[in-house]
């Protein structure tokens, strides 16, 4: 997952889903998912 967050193609997928005026910080979103979900699944 850490590699995917650096992949422009992977990161570009969200652009088609969000409204153009919507503010979205990919790094903040990734860290939130990482801490709240992924880290718990790895344990």
N, C-alpha and C. Protein backbone atom coordinates (compact mmCIF):
# COMPACT_ATOMS: atom_id res chain seq x y z
N UNK A 1 0.82 -1.19 0.00
CA UNK A 1 0.00 0.00 0.00
C UNK A 1 0.87 1.25 0.00
N UNK A 2 1.98 1.20 0.71
CA UNK A 2 2.87 2.36 0.75
C UNK A 2 3.40 2.70 -0.64
N UNK A 3 3.63 1.68 -1.46
CA UNK A 3 4.09 1.92 -2.83
C UNK A 3 2.98 2.53 -3.69
N UNK A 4 1.76 2.11 -3.47
CA UNK A 4 0.63 2.61 -4.28
C UNK A 4 0.42 4.11 -4.08
N UNK A 5 0.64 4.61 -2.89
CA UNK A 5 0.40 6.03 -2.61
C UNK A 5 1.39 6.91 -3.37
N UNK A 6 2.44 6.31 -3.92
CA UNK A 6 3.41 7.05 -4.72
C UNK A 6 3.16 6.89 -6.21
N UNK A 7 2.20 6.06 -6.59
CA UNK A 7 1.92 5.76 -7.99
C UNK A 7 0.91 6.77 -8.55
N UNK A 8 1.30 7.59 -9.54
CA UNK A 8 0.41 8.61 -10.10
C UNK A 8 -0.88 8.03 -10.70
N UNK A 9 -0.80 6.85 -11.29
CA UNK A 9 -1.99 6.23 -11.87
C UNK A 9 -2.99 5.86 -10.77
N UNK A 10 -2.49 5.29 -9.70
CA UNK A 10 -3.34 4.93 -8.56
C UNK A 10 -3.95 6.19 -7.95
N UNK A 11 -3.13 7.21 -7.77
CA UNK A 11 -3.60 8.46 -7.16
C UNK A 11 -4.60 9.19 -8.05
N UNK A 12 -4.48 9.06 -9.35
CA UNK A 12 -5.37 9.73 -10.28
C UNK A 12 -6.78 9.17 -10.32
N UNK A 13 -6.95 7.93 -9.84
CA UNK A 13 -8.27 7.30 -9.88
C UNK A 13 -9.31 8.09 -9.10
N UNK A 14 -8.92 8.69 -8.01
CA UNK A 14 -9.88 9.42 -7.17
C UNK A 14 -10.39 10.68 -7.85
N UNK A 15 -9.61 11.23 -8.77
CA UNK A 15 -10.01 12.46 -9.45
C UNK A 15 -11.31 12.28 -10.24
N UNK A 16 -11.56 11.09 -10.73
CA UNK A 16 -12.78 10.82 -11.49
C UNK A 16 -14.00 10.64 -10.60
N UNK A 17 -13.77 10.44 -9.33
CA UNK A 17 -14.87 10.18 -8.40
C UNK A 17 -15.32 11.45 -7.68
N UNK A 18 -14.38 12.31 -7.35
CA UNK A 18 -14.70 13.51 -6.58
C UNK A 18 -15.17 14.66 -7.46
N UNK A 19 -16.03 15.46 -6.92
CA UNK A 19 -16.47 16.68 -7.58
C UNK A 19 -15.26 17.60 -7.70
N UNK A 20 -15.11 18.31 -8.81
CA UNK A 20 -13.93 19.18 -9.01
C UNK A 20 -13.71 20.21 -7.90
N UNK A 21 -14.77 20.65 -7.23
CA UNK A 21 -14.64 21.64 -6.16
C UNK A 21 -14.33 21.00 -4.80
N UNK A 22 -14.33 19.69 -4.73
CA UNK A 22 -14.11 18.97 -3.48
C UNK A 22 -12.63 19.00 -3.10
N UNK A 23 -12.35 19.38 -1.86
CA UNK A 23 -10.98 19.37 -1.36
C UNK A 23 -10.67 17.98 -0.83
N UNK A 24 -9.54 17.41 -1.24
CA UNK A 24 -9.18 16.07 -0.80
C UNK A 24 -7.67 15.98 -0.70
N UNK A 25 -7.18 15.72 0.48
CA UNK A 25 -5.74 15.57 0.70
C UNK A 25 -5.43 14.08 0.75
N UNK A 26 -4.81 13.57 -0.29
CA UNK A 26 -4.54 12.14 -0.40
C UNK A 26 -3.65 11.64 0.74
N UNK A 27 -2.68 12.42 1.12
CA UNK A 27 -1.75 12.00 2.17
C UNK A 27 -2.46 11.88 3.52
N UNK A 28 -3.30 12.84 3.84
CA UNK A 28 -4.05 12.79 5.10
C UNK A 28 -5.02 11.60 5.08
N UNK A 29 -5.70 11.41 3.96
CA UNK A 29 -6.63 10.29 3.83
C UNK A 29 -5.91 8.96 3.98
N UNK A 30 -4.76 8.83 3.33
CA UNK A 30 -4.01 7.58 3.42
C UNK A 30 -3.56 7.31 4.85
N UNK A 31 -3.04 8.33 5.52
CA UNK A 31 -2.59 8.13 6.90
C UNK A 31 -3.76 7.73 7.81
N UNK A 32 -4.91 8.30 7.59
CA UNK A 32 -6.10 7.95 8.38
C UNK A 32 -6.47 6.49 8.17
N UNK A 33 -6.52 6.06 6.92
CA UNK A 33 -6.85 4.67 6.61
C UNK A 33 -5.77 3.75 7.15
N UNK A 34 -4.53 4.16 7.01
CA UNK A 34 -3.41 3.34 7.48
C UNK A 34 -3.52 3.09 8.99
N UNK A 35 -3.75 4.14 9.75
CA UNK A 35 -3.79 4.02 11.21
C UNK A 35 -5.05 3.30 11.69
N UNK A 36 -6.19 3.64 11.11
CA UNK A 36 -7.46 3.13 11.61
C UNK A 36 -7.84 1.76 11.08
N UNK A 37 -7.29 1.37 9.92
CA UNK A 37 -7.70 0.08 9.33
C UNK A 37 -6.52 -0.83 9.05
N UNK A 38 -5.61 -0.40 8.20
CA UNK A 38 -4.56 -1.29 7.72
C UNK A 38 -3.68 -1.80 8.86
N UNK A 39 -3.24 -0.92 9.74
CA UNK A 39 -2.38 -1.36 10.85
C UNK A 39 -3.09 -2.39 11.72
N UNK A 40 -4.38 -2.28 11.89
CA UNK A 40 -5.14 -3.24 12.71
C UNK A 40 -5.26 -4.59 12.00
N UNK A 41 -5.34 -4.56 10.69
CA UNK A 41 -5.44 -5.82 9.94
C UNK A 41 -4.11 -6.57 9.93
N UNK A 42 -3.03 -5.84 9.98
CA UNK A 42 -1.70 -6.46 9.95
C UNK A 42 -1.38 -7.17 11.26
N UNK A 43 -1.91 -6.64 12.37
CA UNK A 43 -1.61 -7.22 13.70
C UNK A 43 -2.13 -8.61 13.84
